Each structure stands twice: as C-alpha cells, then as structure tokens.
Amino acid sequence: MSTIREVAAHAGVSPATVSRVINHDTTYKMTEETKEKIWRAVAELNYKAPSASASKAKMAKRNLANGPAHRFGVVLNVQGGKYADPYYLTVLSGFEEKMLECGYDIAFVHTNEEFSNKMVMTSAFSEPLSGLIIMNTLSKDVFSYVEKMTPHIVGVDTLHSSIDNIAYDHYTCAFLAVEHLKNCGYKRIGFIGGCKDDIRSSRRFKGYFSALFQFGLEYNEDWVLPSNWSEEYCAEMVKEAYSKGHLPDAYFVASDLMAIAVLRALYDLGVSVPKDCGVIGLSNIEISRYSNPPLSTIAIPVKEMGRVAAQVLLDRLNGDTSPKKVITLGQEVLRRSST
C-alpha cells in the first residue's frame, strides 16, 4: 500500500500539503493546480488514507515511544492575511514537516497580531505547552509571558537573545545583492525595504550602504524607499519615485514579495526590466521564479530554517542543556531575468 510520503514525492509537494488536501483543510491557501496534482497522485498510486482511529492510534504509539504527549505552538510574523506571506508559510511548512516526521502535531498557529489580544494569547496556553516557535521579535510584555509559560522557545530570525535562534545573515545578503547588481553593470542602485522610521537601522540597509561605499557607488536618499512590508504601499512608493524623476538604475528589494510588487509597478509604468531598471529580491520564495520577468534573488534555505528550528526544539525537549545558540544558514545569488 502506498504511503503519504510516496504520494507527496509523486506530486512534488510536502507530506504536510498532501495531508491538508486529503483532509480537506481549507485554512491553508494553495492553487487548484496543486490540489489536482495531489489527487491525481492519490489515484495513480491507489493511496488509501488510514481511518481516524488508526491515525490517532499510530500517533499515540509514536508519541509514547518519544515520551509523554507534547503540545507545540507557532507564532507567525505576518501582516494582512494570516496565510498571505509565502516566506513564513514556507518556514512553517518545514517546521510542520519535521514535527510530523517525529510523530508530533502542532496545537496552534497564531500571528503576532493575534497575540496582541490577551484572550487569544491566554487561550493558547490554557493547556501546558512543551515548546514554541516564534517568527518575529515579540513585544517585551508578550515575550515575558510566553517565556514564563513555555519551557522551550526557538526563534526564527528574532532579536531575543535568551532563546535559540535560526537565522540568515541580512547584512551579507544585502551586500551580495548590491555586488550582483554592480557586476551586471548597474551603477545607480536603490534600496526598498522596512518602515520609514527604522529603515536605515536595519541590517539589510547597512549591508546595502556598506556595499555602495566599498564599490565606490553613489548613494542617494531619493533612491531609498520604505515598503512598510505592504505590496500596495511598495508599488505606490515606486510610482511616486518615478513621477519625481528619482528612479535609479536598479533596486535591491529586501524581500521577494515586495520585489514582485516592484516588478508590477514598473510594468504599469512602462519601465523595461532589466533594461531600464534591474530588480533583485531576497529569500527565493517559490513564486519568484514565475514572476514577470522571473526575479533574481538572494536565495536562503527558507524551508530548512523551519526544519532546523524543529530539530533544535526537539533537542531541547530531549535534554540538550547547552548554551543558547544562533544557527545562521547560508545564502546564494540566483540570477534570473530581472537583472
């Protein structure tokens, strides 16, 4: 009899995605094409999902082998729709995949915005929690509460130094992006990312600025735009810069999602990419290869960040008492048609 892993491999998706489709989970967004591929794989491999009682028995057996039953939670860092940001969803997918492999399920997935509601937050901890993954730097009060209520917390790229963190090097990624644009022949290079009040204190901006200085490239305040991490706002900023004659030769955009919004804005303006303006993003989310044109990016192992976070959390649960650590994953430049 076929397994869910074989179905996932046949369809080219994760086992977690297959599970969501065959269990008719509508809380996660996915394309009809993906669903069709999964159901086709199910039919071709003659996969039969185990009964609910069998699944529970199997999970109970696996949890028993691993010790007492455990509850795990996740706090996403998103703005707008809960499941709208593919970057954080990919991290979540990696975390969930690793936990399922080890026989554990996730008790809740909340956002940083939802945790600002005390009723939501206290409800999440109404039963003992074994571990928590957080994907953003929480406010002092919220972090103090979850730290008190949770024996093990792992951050994904947070600034909390009292917990383990899985991260990537923002500074180096930005530096490499500018270097790539310079090597492509662009000389007037702009930066888009962050919010207006803190954009110049970000590590990505510092990497961008340092690269300009090292390569002897011009810096111009008019080429630095906030994105507010909103696709609509980001596109508006680009169009405003264009209307004022402040468009540089190329932009390094601090996330792929925002970079795709920049591509859309430039298309609306009739600006040819990469001829009149190059664009490079950061993260290598799946959709970046299908943008128009396909987006050059600094690729980081987003899904692996989730899997490593899960492993560190499980190691702590199994008795790892080593000092808190930051595990920094690598990056690479992916050149596509936008540069």
Protein backbone atom coordinates (compact mmCIF):
# COMPACT_ATOMS: atom_id res chain seq x y z
CA MET A 1 0.00 0.00 0.00
CA SER A 2 1.30 3.47 -0.90
CA THR A 3 2.31 5.90 1.83
CA ILE A 4 1.60 9.60 2.13
CA ARG A 5 5.30 10.26 1.50
CA GLU A 6 5.15 8.41 -1.80
CA VAL A 7 2.11 10.47 -2.81
CA ALA A 8 3.96 13.67 -1.85
CA ALA A 9 7.04 12.67 -3.87
CA HIS A 10 4.90 11.75 -6.87
CA ALA A 11 3.08 15.10 -6.74
CA GLY A 12 6.22 17.12 -5.97
CA VAL A 13 4.88 18.58 -2.71
CA SER A 14 5.44 18.05 1.01
CA PRO A 15 3.68 15.31 3.01
CA ALA A 16 2.06 18.09 5.06
CA THR A 17 0.49 19.55 1.92
CA VAL A 18 -0.87 16.15 0.90
CA SER A 19 -2.33 15.73 4.38
CA ARG A 20 -4.11 19.08 4.15
CA VAL A 21 -5.65 18.26 0.79
CA ILE A 22 -6.89 14.76 1.61
CA ASN A 23 -8.27 16.01 4.94
CA HIS A 24 -9.97 18.97 3.20
CA ASP A 25 -8.15 21.54 5.33
CA THR A 26 -9.21 24.94 3.96
CA THR A 27 -7.14 27.08 6.35
CA TYR A 28 -4.11 26.96 4.06
CA LYS A 29 -4.17 28.57 0.63
CA MET A 30 -3.00 26.54 -2.33
CA THR A 31 -3.66 26.56 -6.04
CA GLU A 32 -6.17 24.33 -7.76
CA GLU A 33 -3.28 23.01 -9.84
CA THR A 34 -1.54 21.77 -6.68
CA LYS A 35 -4.73 20.10 -5.44
CA GLU A 36 -5.25 18.45 -8.83
CA LYS A 37 -1.67 17.10 -8.83
CA ILE A 38 -2.18 15.62 -5.37
CA TRP A 39 -5.50 13.95 -6.17
CA ARG A 40 -4.01 12.59 -9.41
CA ALA A 41 -1.09 11.13 -7.42
CA VAL A 42 -3.54 9.64 -4.91
CA ALA A 43 -5.45 7.94 -7.73
CA GLU A 44 -2.38 6.73 -9.62
CA LEU A 45 -0.75 5.26 -6.51
CA ASN A 46 -4.05 3.92 -5.16
CA TYR A 47 -3.38 5.60 -1.83
CA LYS A 48 -5.84 4.84 0.96
CA ALA A 49 -5.86 7.23 3.90
CA PRO A 50 -5.92 5.50 7.29
CA SER A 51 -9.06 5.81 9.35
CA ALA A 52 -9.21 8.50 12.00
CA SER A 53 -8.96 5.92 14.78
CA ALA A 54 -5.98 4.25 13.14
CA SER A 55 -4.25 7.60 12.68
CA LYS A 56 -4.78 8.53 16.31
CA ALA A 57 -3.55 5.13 17.45
CA LYS A 58 -0.44 5.42 15.31
CA MET A 59 0.26 8.93 16.58
CA ALA A 60 -0.27 7.85 20.17
CA LYS A 61 2.13 4.95 19.67
CA ARG A 62 4.78 7.23 18.17
CA ASN A 63 4.34 9.81 20.93
CA LEU A 64 4.57 7.06 23.54
CA ALA A 65 7.88 5.99 22.06
CA ASN A 66 9.10 9.57 22.30
CA GLY A 67 7.87 10.03 25.86
CA PRO A 68 4.74 11.81 27.13
CA ALA A 69 2.39 13.62 24.74
CA HIS A 70 3.51 17.13 23.84
CA ARG A 71 1.86 20.30 22.56
CA PHE A 72 3.67 22.72 20.27
CA GLY A 73 2.70 26.15 19.01
CA VAL A 74 3.80 28.59 16.32
CA VAL A 75 3.64 32.38 16.17
CA LEU A 76 3.83 33.74 12.61
CA ASN A 77 5.12 37.18 11.69
CA VAL A 78 2.62 38.35 9.09
CA GLN A 79 0.75 41.48 8.11
CA GLY A 80 -2.59 41.32 6.39
CA GLY A 81 -3.97 37.82 5.81
CA LYS A 82 -2.85 35.11 8.21
CA TYR A 83 -1.61 32.84 5.45
CA ALA A 84 -0.71 35.50 2.90
CA ASP A 85 3.08 35.61 3.20
CA PRO A 86 4.75 32.67 1.41
CA TYR A 87 8.06 33.24 3.23
CA TYR A 88 6.64 32.49 6.67
CA LEU A 89 4.38 29.76 5.32
CA THR A 90 7.45 28.02 3.90
CA VAL A 91 9.19 28.23 7.29
CA LEU A 92 6.01 26.83 8.86
CA SER A 93 5.90 24.04 6.28
CA GLY A 94 9.46 22.99 7.13
CA PHE A 95 8.73 23.06 10.86
CA GLU A 96 5.49 21.13 10.49
CA GLU A 97 7.07 18.57 8.17
CA LYS A 98 9.87 17.81 10.63
CA MET A 99 7.48 17.58 13.59
CA LEU A 100 5.18 15.20 11.70
CA GLU A 101 8.15 13.02 10.84
CA CYS A 102 8.87 12.75 14.56
CA GLY A 103 5.25 11.94 15.43
CA TYR A 104 4.14 15.32 16.73
CA ASP A 105 1.37 17.66 15.68
CA ILE A 106 1.03 21.43 16.09
CA ALA A 107 -1.54 22.58 18.64
CA PHE A 108 -1.95 26.12 17.32
CA VAL A 109 -0.69 28.61 14.75
CA HIS A 110 -1.26 32.26 15.66
CA THR A 111 0.11 35.55 14.36
CA ASN A 112 1.92 38.29 16.23
CA GLU A 113 -1.19 40.44 15.69
CA GLU A 114 -3.44 37.79 17.21
CA PHE A 115 -1.15 37.52 20.21
CA SER A 116 -1.71 41.21 20.90
CA ASN A 117 -5.17 40.07 22.00
CA LYS A 118 -4.71 38.80 25.57
CA MET A 119 -7.70 36.45 25.33
CA VAL A 120 -6.20 34.72 22.28
CA MET A 121 -2.81 34.50 23.94
CA THR A 122 -4.03 33.11 27.25
CA SER A 123 -6.29 30.64 25.45
CA ALA A 124 -3.30 29.30 23.52
CA PHE A 125 -1.61 28.47 26.83
CA SER A 126 -4.73 27.14 28.56
CA GLU A 127 -3.11 23.69 28.37
CA PRO A 128 0.58 23.08 29.06
CA LEU A 129 2.81 23.77 26.07
CA SER A 130 6.04 21.84 25.52
CA GLY A 131 7.57 24.20 23.00
CA LEU A 132 7.00 27.24 20.84
CA ILE A 133 8.41 28.60 17.59
CA ILE A 134 8.25 32.38 17.16
CA MET A 135 8.96 34.06 13.82
CA ASN A 136 9.31 37.65 14.96
CA THR A 137 10.61 39.73 17.83
CA LEU A 138 7.69 39.97 20.25
CA SER A 139 6.92 42.94 22.45
CA LYS A 140 8.52 42.89 25.90
CA ASP A 141 5.26 42.06 27.71
CA VAL A 142 4.20 39.32 25.29
CA PHE A 143 7.63 37.69 25.26
CA SER A 144 7.83 37.80 29.04
CA TYR A 145 4.51 35.97 29.24
CA VAL A 146 5.27 33.26 26.66
CA GLU A 147 8.74 32.70 28.16
CA LYS A 148 7.12 32.14 31.54
CA MET A 149 4.52 29.76 30.09
CA THR A 150 6.79 27.75 27.75
CA PRO A 151 9.81 25.65 28.76
CA HIS A 152 11.38 25.75 25.30
CA ILE A 153 11.22 28.53 22.70
CA VAL A 154 13.08 28.71 19.40
CA GLY A 155 13.10 31.89 17.35
CA VAL A 156 13.31 32.16 13.60
CA ASP A 157 15.36 35.27 12.94
CA THR A 158 14.32 37.16 16.09
CA LEU A 159 16.28 39.57 18.29
CA HIS A 160 15.55 37.69 21.53
CA SER A 161 18.97 36.66 22.87
CA SER A 162 17.63 34.46 25.69
CA ILE A 163 16.39 31.79 23.26
CA ASP A 164 17.84 29.73 20.43
CA ASN A 165 17.54 31.37 17.02
CA ILE A 166 17.68 30.11 13.46
CA ALA A 167 18.70 32.96 11.19
CA TYR A 168 20.24 34.15 7.97
CA ASP A 169 22.80 36.93 7.52
CA HIS A 170 20.80 40.02 6.49
CA TYR A 171 23.93 42.13 6.09
CA THR A 172 25.73 39.67 3.81
CA CYS A 173 22.62 39.05 1.71
CA ALA A 174 22.25 42.79 1.06
CA PHE A 175 25.95 43.15 0.28
CA LEU A 176 25.78 40.29 -2.22
CA ALA A 177 22.69 41.81 -3.85
CA VAL A 178 24.46 45.12 -4.47
CA GLU A 179 27.58 43.32 -5.68
CA HIS A 180 25.47 41.34 -8.14
CA LEU A 181 23.78 44.48 -9.47
CA LYS A 182 27.15 46.19 -9.80
CA ASN A 183 28.53 43.19 -11.72
CA CYS A 184 25.52 43.39 -14.05
CA GLY A 185 26.55 46.94 -14.93
CA TYR A 186 24.15 48.95 -12.78
CA LYS A 187 25.67 51.99 -11.08
CA ARG A 188 22.76 53.89 -9.53
CA ILE A 189 21.38 51.33 -7.09
CA GLY A 190 18.43 51.91 -4.78
CA PHE A 191 17.07 50.09 -1.72
CA ILE A 192 13.47 49.24 -0.81
CA GLY A 193 12.53 47.69 2.50
CA GLY A 194 11.43 48.23 6.07
CA CYS A 195 9.35 51.01 7.54
CA LYS A 196 10.01 54.72 7.21
CA ASP A 197 11.11 55.25 10.81
CA ASP A 198 13.58 52.39 11.06
CA ILE A 199 14.67 51.61 7.52
CA ARG A 200 18.25 52.90 8.00
CA SER A 201 18.81 50.93 11.19
CA SER A 202 18.05 47.58 9.54
CA ARG A 203 20.86 45.10 8.88
CA ARG A 204 19.84 44.85 5.24
CA PHE A 205 20.17 48.59 4.73
CA LYS A 206 23.56 48.56 6.45
CA GLY A 207 24.76 45.81 4.12
CA TYR A 208 23.45 47.77 1.14
CA PHE A 209 25.11 51.01 2.27
CA SER A 210 28.41 49.28 3.05
CA ALA A 211 28.48 47.68 -0.41
CA LEU A 212 27.88 51.04 -2.10
CA PHE A 213 30.81 52.50 -0.16
CA GLN A 214 33.15 49.57 -0.86
CA PHE A 215 32.39 49.55 -4.59
CA GLY A 216 32.57 53.33 -4.94
CA LEU A 217 28.91 53.63 -5.97
CA GLU A 218 26.76 56.71 -5.47
CA TYR A 219 24.33 56.91 -2.54
CA ASN A 220 21.19 58.98 -2.99
CA GLU A 221 18.46 59.42 -0.37
CA ASP A 222 15.87 59.57 -3.14
CA TRP A 223 16.70 56.00 -4.11
CA VAL A 224 15.87 54.64 -0.64
CA LEU A 225 12.19 53.78 -0.21
CA PRO A 226 10.21 52.23 2.65
CA SER A 227 7.96 49.29 1.82
CA ASN A 228 6.06 49.06 5.14
CA TRP A 229 6.00 45.36 4.17
CA SER A 230 2.89 46.08 2.11
CA GLU A 231 2.78 45.21 -1.58
CA GLU A 232 0.38 48.04 -2.37
CA TYR A 233 2.38 50.63 -0.44
CA CYS A 234 5.62 49.42 -2.00
CA ALA A 235 4.21 49.77 -5.52
CA GLU A 236 2.94 53.27 -4.70
CA MET A 237 6.39 54.33 -3.49
CA VAL A 238 7.99 53.19 -6.74
CA LYS A 239 5.40 55.00 -8.85
CA GLU A 240 5.88 58.16 -6.78
CA ALA A 241 9.67 57.96 -7.22
CA TYR A 242 9.19 57.57 -10.96
CA SER A 243 6.87 60.59 -11.14
CA LYS A 244 9.52 62.71 -9.40
CA GLY A 245 12.32 61.51 -11.69
CA HIS A 246 14.01 59.60 -8.85
CA LEU A 247 14.12 56.14 -10.39
CA PRO A 248 17.61 54.55 -10.08
CA ASP A 249 19.17 52.04 -12.48
CA ALA A 250 18.28 49.13 -10.21
CA TYR A 251 16.68 48.25 -6.87
CA PHE A 252 17.67 45.80 -4.18
CA VAL A 253 14.36 44.95 -2.51
CA ALA A 254 14.50 43.43 0.98
CA SER A 255 12.03 40.61 0.26
CA ASP A 256 10.87 38.71 -2.79
CA LEU A 257 7.23 39.52 -2.11
CA MET A 258 7.99 43.26 -2.13
CA ALA A 259 10.25 42.83 -5.18
CA ILE A 260 7.40 41.27 -7.14
CA ALA A 261 5.28 44.31 -6.24
CA VAL A 262 8.10 46.49 -7.61
CA LEU A 263 8.10 44.50 -10.86
CA ARG A 264 4.37 45.04 -11.18
CA ALA A 265 4.72 48.78 -10.58
CA LEU A 266 7.49 49.10 -13.16
CA TYR A 267 5.38 47.16 -15.67
CA ASP A 268 2.46 49.54 -15.06
CA LEU A 269 4.81 52.49 -15.64
CA GLY A 270 6.13 51.03 -18.89
CA VAL A 271 9.65 50.71 -17.47
CA SER A 272 11.53 47.82 -19.10
CA VAL A 273 13.08 45.31 -16.69
CA PRO A 274 16.02 44.66 -16.68
CA LYS A 275 16.97 47.11 -19.45
CA ASP A 276 15.79 50.35 -17.80
CA CYS A 277 15.70 49.16 -14.19
CA GLY A 278 17.02 45.95 -12.65
CA VAL A 279 15.42 44.31 -9.63
CA ILE A 280 16.78 41.75 -7.19
CA GLY A 281 14.90 40.40 -4.18
CA LEU A 282 15.70 38.33 -1.11
CA SER A 283 14.52 34.87 0.00
CA ASN A 284 13.73 32.89 -3.19
CA ILE A 285 10.08 32.15 -2.43
CA GLU A 286 8.54 29.73 -4.91
CA ILE A 287 6.55 32.36 -6.81
CA SER A 288 9.68 34.41 -7.58
CA ARG A 289 10.64 32.11 -10.46
CA TYR A 290 7.24 32.68 -12.06
CA SER A 291 7.09 36.49 -11.83
CA ASN A 292 7.25 38.63 -14.97
CA PRO A 293 10.14 38.65 -15.59
CA PRO A 294 11.45 35.86 -13.32
CA LEU A 295 13.02 37.52 -10.28
CA SER A 296 16.72 37.48 -9.49
CA THR A 297 17.13 36.92 -5.77
CA ILE A 298 19.43 36.12 -2.89
CA ALA A 299 18.28 32.60 -2.04
CA ILE A 300 18.15 31.47 1.56
CA PRO A 301 17.05 27.98 2.69
CA VAL A 302 13.66 29.11 4.00
CA LYS A 303 12.10 25.68 4.47
CA GLU A 304 15.26 24.37 6.08
CA MET A 305 15.01 27.16 8.66
CA GLY A 306 11.74 25.62 9.83
CA ARG A 307 13.17 22.11 9.90
CA VAL A 308 16.26 23.22 11.85
CA ALA A 309 14.04 25.14 14.30
CA ALA A 310 12.05 21.95 14.89
CA GLN A 311 15.23 19.92 15.45
CA VAL A 312 16.63 22.43 17.94
CA LEU A 313 13.30 22.45 19.78
CA LEU A 314 13.23 18.65 19.94
CA ASP A 315 16.85 18.55 21.09
CA ARG A 316 15.97 20.87 23.96
CA LEU A 317 12.96 18.72 24.79
CA ASN A 318 15.24 15.66 24.89
CA GLY A 319 17.65 17.20 27.37
CA ASP A 320 20.03 19.49 25.47
CA THR A 321 21.24 22.00 28.06
CA SER A 322 23.98 23.65 26.00
CA PRO A 323 24.12 27.48 25.92
CA LYS A 324 21.55 29.25 23.75
CA LYS A 325 22.77 29.49 20.18
CA VAL A 326 22.22 31.24 16.89
CA ILE A 327 22.39 28.96 13.86
CA THR A 328 22.98 31.04 10.74
CA LEU A 329 22.19 29.38 7.43
CA GLY A 330 23.89 30.30 4.18
CA GLN A 331 22.78 32.11 1.04
CA GLU A 332 23.48 32.22 -2.70
CA VAL A 333 22.87 34.58 -5.60
CA LEU A 334 20.31 33.37 -8.14
CA ARG A 335 20.34 35.36 -11.35
CA ARG A 336 17.17 35.32 -13.38
CA SER A 337 15.73 37.68 -15.99
CA SER A 338 15.13 40.74 -13.79
CA THR A 339 18.84 41.67 -13.72
